All heavy atoms as atom14 arrays in JSON, in Angstrom:
{
  "sequence": "ESWRALARFTSPERWYHRLHRAEGYEVWLLTWLPGQGTEIHDHGGS",
  "atom14_mask": [
    [1, 1, 1, 1, 1, 1, 1, 1, 1, 0, 0, 0, 0, 0],
    [1, 1, 1, 1, 1, 1, 0, 0, 0, 0, 0, 0, 0, 0],
    [1, 1, 1, 1, 1, 1, 1, 1, 1, 1, 1, 1, 1, 1],
    [1, 1, 1, 1, 1, 1, 1, 1, 1, 1, 1, 0, 0, 0],
    [1, 1, 1, 1, 1, 0, 0, 0, 0, 0, 0, 0, 0, 0],
    [1, 1, 1, 1, 1, 1, 1, 1, 0, 0, 0, 0, 0, 0],
    [1, 1, 1, 1, 1, 0, 0, 0, 0, 0, 0, 0, 0, 0],
    [1, 1, 1, 1, 1, 1, 1, 1, 1, 1, 1, 0, 0, 0],
    [1, 1, 1, 1, 1, 1, 1, 1, 1, 1, 1, 0, 0, 0],
    [1, 1, 1, 1, 1, 1, 1, 0, 0, 0, 0, 0, 0, 0],
    [1, 1, 1, 1, 1, 1, 0, 0, 0, 0, 0, 0, 0, 0],
    [1, 1, 1, 1, 1, 1, 1, 0, 0, 0, 0, 0, 0, 0],
    [1, 1, 1, 1, 1, 1, 1, 1, 1, 0, 0, 0, 0, 0],
    [1, 1, 1, 1, 1, 1, 1, 1, 1, 1, 1, 0, 0, 0],
    [1, 1, 1, 1, 1, 1, 1, 1, 1, 1, 1, 1, 1, 1],
    [1, 1, 1, 1, 1, 1, 1, 1, 1, 1, 1, 1, 0, 0],
    [1, 1, 1, 1, 1, 1, 1, 1, 1, 1, 0, 0, 0, 0],
    [1, 1, 1, 1, 1, 1, 1, 1, 1, 1, 1, 0, 0, 0],
    [1, 1, 1, 1, 1, 1, 1, 1, 0, 0, 0, 0, 0, 0],
    [1, 1, 1, 1, 1, 1, 1, 1, 1, 1, 0, 0, 0, 0],
    [1, 1, 1, 1, 1, 1, 1, 1, 1, 1, 1, 0, 0, 0],
    [1, 1, 1, 1, 1, 0, 0, 0, 0, 0, 0, 0, 0, 0],
    [1, 1, 1, 1, 1, 1, 1, 1, 1, 0, 0, 0, 0, 0],
    [1, 1, 1, 1, 0, 0, 0, 0, 0, 0, 0, 0, 0, 0],
    [1, 1, 1, 1, 1, 1, 1, 1, 1, 1, 1, 1, 0, 0],
    [1, 1, 1, 1, 1, 1, 1, 1, 1, 0, 0, 0, 0, 0],
    [1, 1, 1, 1, 1, 1, 1, 0, 0, 0, 0, 0, 0, 0],
    [1, 1, 1, 1, 1, 1, 1, 1, 1, 1, 1, 1, 1, 1],
    [1, 1, 1, 1, 1, 1, 1, 1, 0, 0, 0, 0, 0, 0],
    [1, 1, 1, 1, 1, 1, 1, 1, 0, 0, 0, 0, 0, 0],
    [1, 1, 1, 1, 1, 1, 1, 0, 0, 0, 0, 0, 0, 0],
    [1, 1, 1, 1, 1, 1, 1, 1, 1, 1, 1, 1, 1, 1],
    [1, 1, 1, 1, 1, 1, 1, 1, 0, 0, 0, 0, 0, 0],
    [1, 1, 1, 1, 1, 1, 1, 0, 0, 0, 0, 0, 0, 0],
    [1, 1, 1, 1, 0, 0, 0, 0, 0, 0, 0, 0, 0, 0],
    [1, 1, 1, 1, 1, 1, 1, 1, 1, 0, 0, 0, 0, 0],
    [1, 1, 1, 1, 0, 0, 0, 0, 0, 0, 0, 0, 0, 0],
    [1, 1, 1, 1, 1, 1, 1, 0, 0, 0, 0, 0, 0, 0],
    [1, 1, 1, 1, 1, 1, 1, 1, 1, 0, 0, 0, 0, 0],
    [1, 1, 1, 1, 1, 1, 1, 1, 0, 0, 0, 0, 0, 0],
    [1, 1, 1, 1, 1, 1, 1, 1, 1, 1, 0, 0, 0, 0],
    [1, 1, 1, 1, 1, 1, 1, 1, 0, 0, 0, 0, 0, 0],
    [1, 1, 1, 1, 1, 1, 1, 1, 1, 1, 0, 0, 0, 0],
    [1, 1, 1, 1, 0, 0, 0, 0, 0, 0, 0, 0, 0, 0],
    [1, 1, 1, 1, 0, 0, 0, 0, 0, 0, 0, 0, 0, 0],
    [1, 1, 1, 1, 1, 1, 0, 0, 0, 0, 0, 0, 0, 0]
  ],
  "atom14_positions": [
    [[76.35, 50.36, 167.34], [76.0, 51.43, 168.29], [75.06, 52.45, 167.66], [74.37, 53.18, 168.37], [77.26, 52.12, 168.84], [78.05, 52.92, 167.82], [79.0, 52.11, 166.95], [79.0, 50.86, 167.02], [79.77, 52.74, 166.18], [0.0, 0.0, 0.0], [0.0, 0.0, 0.0], [0.0, 0.0, 0.0], [0.0, 0.0, 0.0], [0.0, 0.0, 0.0]],
    [[74.98, 52.49, 166.33], [74.1, 53.45, 165.65], [72.67, 52.92, 165.47], [71.79, 53.69, 165.12], [74.68, 53.85, 164.29], [74.62, 52.78, 163.38], [0.0, 0.0, 0.0], [0.0, 0.0, 0.0], [0.0, 0.0, 0.0], [0.0, 0.0, 0.0], [0.0, 0.0, 0.0], [0.0, 0.0, 0.0], [0.0, 0.0, 0.0], [0.0, 0.0, 0.0]],
    [[72.43, 51.62, 165.72], [71.11, 51.06, 165.46], [70.62, 50.04, 166.47], [69.43, 49.84, 166.63], [71.03, 50.44, 164.07], [72.16, 49.5, 163.73], [73.27, 49.79, 162.98], [72.3, 48.13, 164.13], [74.08, 48.69, 162.9], [73.52, 47.66, 163.59], [71.52, 47.27, 164.88], [73.97, 46.36, 163.79], [71.97, 45.97, 165.08], [73.18, 45.53, 164.53]],
    [[71.49, 49.35, 167.2], [71.06, 48.21, 168.03], [70.01, 48.59, 169.07], [69.05, 47.87, 169.29], [72.27, 47.54, 168.69], [71.91, 46.28, 169.48], [71.25, 45.27, 168.55], [70.79, 44.07, 169.2], [69.55, 43.85, 169.61], [68.63, 44.79, 169.52], [69.19, 42.7, 170.13], [0.0, 0.0, 0.0], [0.0, 0.0, 0.0], [0.0, 0.0, 0.0]],
    [[70.17, 49.73, 169.73], [69.22, 50.14, 170.78], [67.83, 50.44, 170.23], [66.85, 50.47, 170.98], [69.77, 51.34, 171.54], [0.0, 0.0, 0.0], [0.0, 0.0, 0.0], [0.0, 0.0, 0.0], [0.0, 0.0, 0.0], [0.0, 0.0, 0.0], [0.0, 0.0, 0.0], [0.0, 0.0, 0.0], [0.0, 0.0, 0.0], [0.0, 0.0, 0.0]],
    [[67.72, 50.65, 168.92], [66.42, 50.94, 168.3], [65.58, 49.7, 168.06], [64.36, 49.79, 167.9], [66.64, 51.65, 166.96], [67.38, 52.98, 167.0], [67.71, 53.43, 165.58], [66.55, 54.02, 167.73], [0.0, 0.0, 0.0], [0.0, 0.0, 0.0], [0.0, 0.0, 0.0], [0.0, 0.0, 0.0], [0.0, 0.0, 0.0], [0.0, 0.0, 0.0]],
    [[66.19, 48.53, 168.01], [65.51, 47.3, 167.6], [64.41, 46.91, 168.59], [64.58, 47.0, 169.81], [66.51, 46.16, 167.46], [0.0, 0.0, 0.0], [0.0, 0.0, 0.0], [0.0, 0.0, 0.0], [0.0, 0.0, 0.0], [0.0, 0.0, 0.0], [0.0, 0.0, 0.0], [0.0, 0.0, 0.0], [0.0, 0.0, 0.0], [0.0, 0.0, 0.0]],
    [[63.29, 46.48, 168.04], [62.14, 45.99, 168.8], [61.67, 44.69, 168.14], [61.56, 44.62, 166.93], [60.98, 46.99, 168.78], [61.32, 48.38, 169.25], [61.54, 48.4, 170.77], [61.92, 49.73, 171.23], [63.17, 50.13, 171.44], [64.18, 49.32, 171.21], [63.43, 51.34, 171.89], [0.0, 0.0, 0.0], [0.0, 0.0, 0.0], [0.0, 0.0, 0.0]],
    [[61.38, 43.71, 168.95], [60.85, 42.45, 168.44], [59.38, 42.39, 168.8], [59.02, 42.46, 169.98], [61.62, 41.27, 169.03], [63.03, 41.2, 168.51], [64.05, 41.88, 169.15], [63.32, 40.48, 167.37], [65.34, 41.84, 168.67], [64.62, 40.44, 166.87], [65.63, 41.11, 167.52], [0.0, 0.0, 0.0], [0.0, 0.0, 0.0], [0.0, 0.0, 0.0]],
    [[58.52, 42.34, 167.78], [57.08, 42.41, 167.99], [56.38, 41.22, 167.33], [56.89, 40.65, 166.37], [56.51, 43.72, 167.43], [56.78, 43.78, 166.02], [57.13, 44.94, 168.12], [0.0, 0.0, 0.0], [0.0, 0.0, 0.0], [0.0, 0.0, 0.0], [0.0, 0.0, 0.0], [0.0, 0.0, 0.0], [0.0, 0.0, 0.0], [0.0, 0.0, 0.0]],
    [[55.2, 40.92, 167.84], [54.39, 39.85, 167.29], [52.94, 40.3, 167.32], [52.55, 41.03, 168.24], [54.58, 38.59, 168.14], [53.82, 37.53, 167.64], [0.0, 0.0, 0.0], [0.0, 0.0, 0.0], [0.0, 0.0, 0.0], [0.0, 0.0, 0.0], [0.0, 0.0, 0.0], [0.0, 0.0, 0.0], [0.0, 0.0, 0.0], [0.0, 0.0, 0.0]],
    [[52.11, 39.94, 166.38], [52.38, 38.99, 165.31], [53.12, 39.6, 164.13], [53.69, 38.89, 163.32], [51.0, 38.51, 164.9], [50.11, 39.68, 165.14], [50.69, 40.36, 166.37], [0.0, 0.0, 0.0], [0.0, 0.0, 0.0], [0.0, 0.0, 0.0], [0.0, 0.0, 0.0], [0.0, 0.0, 0.0], [0.0, 0.0, 0.0], [0.0, 0.0, 0.0]],
    [[53.09, 40.92, 163.96], [53.74, 41.55, 162.82], [55.23, 41.79, 163.08], [55.61, 42.09, 164.2], [53.07, 42.9, 162.5], [51.6, 42.79, 162.15], [51.34, 41.99, 160.9], [52.11, 42.12, 159.92], [50.37, 41.21, 160.9], [0.0, 0.0, 0.0], [0.0, 0.0, 0.0], [0.0, 0.0, 0.0], [0.0, 0.0, 0.0], [0.0, 0.0, 0.0]],
    [[56.02, 41.68, 162.04], [57.44, 42.01, 162.13], [57.59, 43.51, 162.38], [56.76, 44.31, 161.97], [58.19, 41.67, 160.83], [58.34, 40.21, 160.57], [59.07, 39.92, 159.27], [58.44, 40.58, 158.14], [58.98, 41.61, 157.47], [60.15, 42.08, 157.78], [58.33, 42.15, 156.46], [0.0, 0.0, 0.0], [0.0, 0.0, 0.0], [0.0, 0.0, 0.0]],
    [[58.69, 43.89, 162.99], [58.99, 45.29, 163.25], [60.02, 45.76, 162.23], [60.93, 45.0, 161.85], [59.55, 45.43, 164.66], [59.95, 46.81, 165.05], [59.17, 47.75, 165.66], [61.24, 47.42, 164.88], [59.9, 48.9, 165.88], [61.17, 48.72, 165.4], [62.45, 46.98, 164.33], [62.25, 49.59, 165.41], [63.53, 47.84, 164.32], [63.41, 49.13, 164.86]],
    [[59.89, 47.0, 161.77], [60.87, 47.59, 160.87], [60.93, 49.08, 161.12], [59.97, 49.7, 161.58], [60.55, 47.29, 159.4], [59.11, 47.57, 159.02], [58.73, 48.81, 158.54], [58.14, 46.58, 159.16], [57.41, 49.07, 158.2], [56.82, 46.83, 158.82], [56.46, 48.08, 158.34], [55.16, 48.34, 158.01], [0.0, 0.0, 0.0], [0.0, 0.0, 0.0]],
    [[62.1, 49.66, 160.84], [62.32, 51.08, 161.12], [63.3, 51.64, 160.09], [64.37, 51.06, 159.86], [62.9, 51.22, 162.52], [63.29, 52.61, 162.89], [62.37, 53.6, 163.16], [64.51, 53.17, 163.02], [63.03, 54.72, 163.46], [64.31, 54.49, 163.37], [0.0, 0.0, 0.0], [0.0, 0.0, 0.0], [0.0, 0.0, 0.0], [0.0, 0.0, 0.0]],
    [[62.91, 52.75, 159.47], [63.83, 53.41, 158.54], [64.89, 54.14, 159.36], [64.58, 55.01, 160.16], [63.09, 54.4, 157.64], [64.02, 55.04, 156.62], [63.36, 56.11, 155.78], [62.41, 55.53, 154.84], [61.17, 55.99, 154.66], [60.71, 57.01, 155.35], [60.37, 55.43, 153.78], [0.0, 0.0, 0.0], [0.0, 0.0, 0.0], [0.0, 0.0, 0.0]],
    [[66.14, 53.78, 159.16], [67.26, 54.4, 159.86], [67.7, 55.69, 159.21], [68.13, 56.62, 159.88], [68.46, 53.44, 159.91], [68.3, 52.18, 160.73], [69.49, 51.26, 160.49], [68.14, 52.51, 162.21], [0.0, 0.0, 0.0], [0.0, 0.0, 0.0], [0.0, 0.0, 0.0], [0.0, 0.0, 0.0], [0.0, 0.0, 0.0], [0.0, 0.0, 0.0]],
    [[67.6, 55.72, 157.88], [68.15, 56.87, 157.16], [67.53, 56.94, 155.77], [67.3, 55.91, 155.14], [69.67, 56.69, 157.03], [70.35, 57.81, 156.33], [70.52, 59.05, 156.88], [70.92, 57.87, 155.1], [71.16, 59.82, 156.03], [71.4, 59.13, 154.94], [0.0, 0.0, 0.0], [0.0, 0.0, 0.0], [0.0, 0.0, 0.0], [0.0, 0.0, 0.0]],
    [[67.27, 58.16, 155.33], [66.82, 58.38, 153.95], [67.56, 59.59, 153.42], [67.63, 60.62, 154.09], [65.32, 58.61, 153.9], [64.83, 58.71, 152.46], [63.32, 58.79, 152.42], [62.92, 58.82, 151.02], [61.73, 58.5, 150.6], [60.81, 58.1, 151.45], [61.42, 58.58, 149.33], [0.0, 0.0, 0.0], [0.0, 0.0, 0.0], [0.0, 0.0, 0.0]],
    [[68.13, 59.44, 152.25], [68.85, 60.53, 151.59], [68.47, 60.5, 150.12], [67.73, 59.62, 149.68], [70.36, 60.34, 151.75], [0.0, 0.0, 0.0], [0.0, 0.0, 0.0], [0.0, 0.0, 0.0], [0.0, 0.0, 0.0], [0.0, 0.0, 0.0], [0.0, 0.0, 0.0], [0.0, 0.0, 0.0], [0.0, 0.0, 0.0], [0.0, 0.0, 0.0]],
    [[68.97, 61.45, 149.38], [68.65, 61.49, 147.96], [69.08, 60.18, 147.3], [70.25, 59.83, 147.3], [69.34, 62.67, 147.29], [68.9, 62.83, 145.85], [69.48, 64.07, 145.2], [69.9, 65.0, 145.91], [69.5, 64.08, 143.96], [0.0, 0.0, 0.0], [0.0, 0.0, 0.0], [0.0, 0.0, 0.0], [0.0, 0.0, 0.0], [0.0, 0.0, 0.0]],
    [[68.11, 59.45, 146.8], [68.42, 58.26, 146.02], [68.49, 56.94, 146.75], [68.54, 55.9, 146.12], [0.0, 0.0, 0.0], [0.0, 0.0, 0.0], [0.0, 0.0, 0.0], [0.0, 0.0, 0.0], [0.0, 0.0, 0.0], [0.0, 0.0, 0.0], [0.0, 0.0, 0.0], [0.0, 0.0, 0.0], [0.0, 0.0, 0.0], [0.0, 0.0, 0.0]],
    [[68.52, 56.93, 148.09], [68.59, 55.64, 148.79], [68.06, 55.78, 150.2], [67.86, 56.87, 150.72], [70.01, 55.09, 148.8], [70.92, 55.72, 149.84], [71.25, 55.03, 150.99], [71.44, 57.0, 149.68], [72.07, 55.59, 151.96], [72.26, 57.57, 150.62], [72.57, 56.86, 151.76], [73.37, 57.42, 152.72], [0.0, 0.0, 0.0], [0.0, 0.0, 0.0]],
    [[67.84, 54.62, 150.84], [67.41, 54.58, 152.23], [67.95, 53.32, 152.89], [68.31, 52.36, 152.2], [65.89, 54.63, 152.34], [65.19, 53.44, 151.73], [63.67, 53.6, 151.71], [63.15, 54.54, 152.31], [63.03, 52.76, 151.07], [0.0, 0.0, 0.0], [0.0, 0.0, 0.0], [0.0, 0.0, 0.0], [0.0, 0.0, 0.0], [0.0, 0.0, 0.0]],
    [[67.98, 53.34, 154.23], [68.49, 52.21, 155.02], [67.44, 51.87, 156.07], [66.91, 52.76, 156.74], [69.83, 52.57, 155.7], [70.34, 51.4, 156.54], [70.87, 52.98, 154.66], [0.0, 0.0, 0.0], [0.0, 0.0, 0.0], [0.0, 0.0, 0.0], [0.0, 0.0, 0.0], [0.0, 0.0, 0.0], [0.0, 0.0, 0.0], [0.0, 0.0, 0.0]],
    [[67.16, 50.58, 156.21], [66.15, 50.08, 157.16], [66.76, 49.06, 158.1], [67.68, 48.32, 157.74], [65.02, 49.38, 156.41], [64.16, 50.27, 155.58], [64.45, 50.77, 154.33], [62.87, 50.75, 155.9], [63.4, 51.52, 153.88], [62.41, 51.53, 154.83], [62.04, 50.58, 157.01], [61.17, 52.15, 154.82], [60.79, 51.19, 157.01], [60.37, 51.97, 155.92]],
    [[66.18, 48.96, 159.3], [66.49, 47.92, 160.27], [65.23, 47.07, 160.43], [64.14, 47.62, 160.63], [66.87, 48.56, 161.61], [67.25, 47.62, 162.74], [68.53, 46.86, 162.41], [67.44, 48.43, 164.04], [0.0, 0.0, 0.0], [0.0, 0.0, 0.0], [0.0, 0.0, 0.0], [0.0, 0.0, 0.0], [0.0, 0.0, 0.0], [0.0, 0.0, 0.0]],
    [[65.34, 45.74, 160.31], [64.2, 44.84, 160.41], [64.48, 43.78, 161.46], [65.63, 43.3, 161.57], [63.91, 44.13, 159.09], [63.19, 44.93, 158.0], [64.1, 45.97, 157.37], [62.66, 44.0, 156.95], [0.0, 0.0, 0.0], [0.0, 0.0, 0.0], [0.0, 0.0, 0.0], [0.0, 0.0, 0.0], [0.0, 0.0, 0.0], [0.0, 0.0, 0.0]],
    [[63.45, 43.41, 162.22], [63.59, 42.32, 163.18], [62.68, 41.18, 162.77], [61.65, 41.38, 162.13], [63.26, 42.77, 164.62], [61.89, 43.18, 164.69], [64.17, 43.91, 165.07], [0.0, 0.0, 0.0], [0.0, 0.0, 0.0], [0.0, 0.0, 0.0], [0.0, 0.0, 0.0], [0.0, 0.0, 0.0], [0.0, 0.0, 0.0], [0.0, 0.0, 0.0]],
    [[63.08, 39.97, 163.19], [62.4, 38.74, 162.78], [62.36, 37.78, 163.95], [63.4, 37.24, 164.34], [63.16, 38.07, 161.65], [63.59, 38.95, 160.53], [64.64, 39.83, 160.52], [63.0, 39.03, 159.23], [64.73, 40.44, 159.3], [63.73, 39.97, 158.49], [61.92, 38.38, 158.63], [63.42, 40.29, 157.18], [61.61, 38.69, 157.32], [62.35, 39.64, 156.6]],
    [[61.2, 37.55, 164.53], [61.06, 36.5, 165.52], [60.98, 35.15, 164.81], [60.65, 35.1, 163.61], [59.8, 36.73, 166.36], [59.87, 37.89, 167.34], [58.5, 38.16, 167.95], [60.91, 37.63, 168.42], [0.0, 0.0, 0.0], [0.0, 0.0, 0.0], [0.0, 0.0, 0.0], [0.0, 0.0, 0.0], [0.0, 0.0, 0.0], [0.0, 0.0, 0.0]],
    [[61.28, 34.04, 165.5], [61.13, 32.73, 164.85], [59.74, 32.58, 164.24], [58.73, 32.92, 164.85], [61.35, 31.76, 166.01], [62.28, 32.5, 166.93], [61.79, 33.94, 166.86], [0.0, 0.0, 0.0], [0.0, 0.0, 0.0], [0.0, 0.0, 0.0], [0.0, 0.0, 0.0], [0.0, 0.0, 0.0], [0.0, 0.0, 0.0], [0.0, 0.0, 0.0]],
    [[59.71, 32.13, 163.0], [58.46, 31.91, 162.28], [57.97, 33.11, 161.49], [57.08, 32.97, 160.66], [0.0, 0.0, 0.0], [0.0, 0.0, 0.0], [0.0, 0.0, 0.0], [0.0, 0.0, 0.0], [0.0, 0.0, 0.0], [0.0, 0.0, 0.0], [0.0, 0.0, 0.0], [0.0, 0.0, 0.0], [0.0, 0.0, 0.0], [0.0, 0.0, 0.0]],
    [[58.53, 34.29, 161.71], [58.1, 35.46, 160.94], [58.79, 35.51, 159.58], [59.92, 35.04, 159.43], [58.41, 36.76, 161.71], [57.54, 36.94, 162.92], [57.83, 38.23, 163.66], [58.96, 38.71, 163.71], [56.8, 38.79, 164.27], [0.0, 0.0, 0.0], [0.0, 0.0, 0.0], [0.0, 0.0, 0.0], [0.0, 0.0, 0.0], [0.0, 0.0, 0.0]],
    [[58.09, 36.08, 158.61], [58.66, 36.19, 157.28], [57.82, 37.09, 156.4], [56.79, 37.61, 156.82], [0.0, 0.0, 0.0], [0.0, 0.0, 0.0], [0.0, 0.0, 0.0], [0.0, 0.0, 0.0], [0.0, 0.0, 0.0], [0.0, 0.0, 0.0], [0.0, 0.0, 0.0], [0.0, 0.0, 0.0], [0.0, 0.0, 0.0], [0.0, 0.0, 0.0]],
    [[58.27, 37.25, 155.2], [57.57, 38.08, 154.22], [56.77, 37.21, 153.27], [57.01, 36.0, 153.16], [58.56, 38.91, 153.38], [59.31, 38.01, 152.53], [59.51, 39.73, 154.24], [0.0, 0.0, 0.0], [0.0, 0.0, 0.0], [0.0, 0.0, 0.0], [0.0, 0.0, 0.0], [0.0, 0.0, 0.0], [0.0, 0.0, 0.0], [0.0, 0.0, 0.0]],
    [[55.89, 37.83, 152.55], [55.29, 37.21, 151.39], [56.32, 37.29, 150.26], [57.33, 38.0, 150.37], [54.03, 37.99, 150.97], [52.94, 38.01, 152.02], [51.81, 38.95, 151.6], [51.15, 38.67, 150.58], [51.61, 39.95, 152.3], [0.0, 0.0, 0.0], [0.0, 0.0, 0.0], [0.0, 0.0, 0.0], [0.0, 0.0, 0.0], [0.0, 0.0, 0.0]],
    [[56.05, 36.62, 149.15], [56.89, 36.78, 147.96], [56.68, 38.21, 147.47], [55.55, 38.66, 147.31], [56.5, 35.79, 146.86], [56.6, 34.35, 147.36], [57.4, 36.0, 145.63], [55.96, 33.33, 146.41], [0.0, 0.0, 0.0], [0.0, 0.0, 0.0], [0.0, 0.0, 0.0], [0.0, 0.0, 0.0], [0.0, 0.0, 0.0], [0.0, 0.0, 0.0]],
    [[57.77, 38.94, 147.27], [57.66, 40.35, 146.9], [58.86, 40.81, 146.09], [59.9, 40.17, 146.09], [57.53, 41.22, 148.15], [58.78, 41.24, 148.99], [59.11, 40.19, 149.83], [59.77, 42.15, 149.1], [60.26, 40.47, 150.43], [60.68, 41.65, 150.0], [0.0, 0.0, 0.0], [0.0, 0.0, 0.0], [0.0, 0.0, 0.0], [0.0, 0.0, 0.0]],
    [[58.69, 41.94, 145.41], [59.82, 42.66, 144.84], [59.84, 44.03, 145.48], [59.12, 44.29, 146.45], [59.77, 42.69, 143.3], [58.64, 43.52, 142.73], [58.13, 44.44, 143.41], [58.25, 43.27, 141.57], [0.0, 0.0, 0.0], [0.0, 0.0, 0.0], [0.0, 0.0, 0.0], [0.0, 0.0, 0.0], [0.0, 0.0, 0.0], [0.0, 0.0, 0.0]],
    [[60.68, 44.91, 144.97], [60.89, 46.21, 145.62], [60.48, 47.36, 144.72], [61.04, 48.45, 144.8], [62.33, 46.3, 146.1], [62.65, 45.18, 147.04], [63.14, 43.97, 146.6], [62.46, 45.05, 148.37], [63.26, 43.16, 147.63], [62.86, 43.78, 148.72], [0.0, 0.0, 0.0], [0.0, 0.0, 0.0], [0.0, 0.0, 0.0], [0.0, 0.0, 0.0]],
    [[59.49, 47.1, 143.87], [58.89, 48.16, 143.08], [59.84, 48.9, 142.16], [59.67, 50.1, 141.95], [0.0, 0.0, 0.0], [0.0, 0.0, 0.0], [0.0, 0.0, 0.0], [0.0, 0.0, 0.0], [0.0, 0.0, 0.0], [0.0, 0.0, 0.0], [0.0, 0.0, 0.0], [0.0, 0.0, 0.0], [0.0, 0.0, 0.0], [0.0, 0.0, 0.0]],
    [[60.86, 48.23, 141.66], [61.81, 48.87, 140.76], [63.07, 49.37, 141.43], [63.97, 49.89, 140.76], [0.0, 0.0, 0.0], [0.0, 0.0, 0.0], [0.0, 0.0, 0.0], [0.0, 0.0, 0.0], [0.0, 0.0, 0.0], [0.0, 0.0, 0.0], [0.0, 0.0, 0.0], [0.0, 0.0, 0.0], [0.0, 0.0, 0.0], [0.0, 0.0, 0.0]],
    [[63.2, 49.2, 142.75], [64.42, 49.6, 143.46], [65.38, 48.43, 143.52], [64.96, 47.28, 143.66], [64.1, 50.04, 144.89], [63.33, 51.22, 144.88], [0.0, 0.0, 0.0], [0.0, 0.0, 0.0], [0.0, 0.0, 0.0], [0.0, 0.0, 0.0], [0.0, 0.0, 0.0], [0.0, 0.0, 0.0], [0.0, 0.0, 0.0], [0.0, 0.0, 0.0]]
  ]
}
């Protein structure tokens, strides 16, 4: 109930939304249509 209504499914790019940011951490919501994905990546030291 705190995040579901925010979700959007978009194409061609994936959709993402920061739900919360506080000192030292953050929380994101990401959507993925069939066939969508990321490149190989890391998280810059996080």
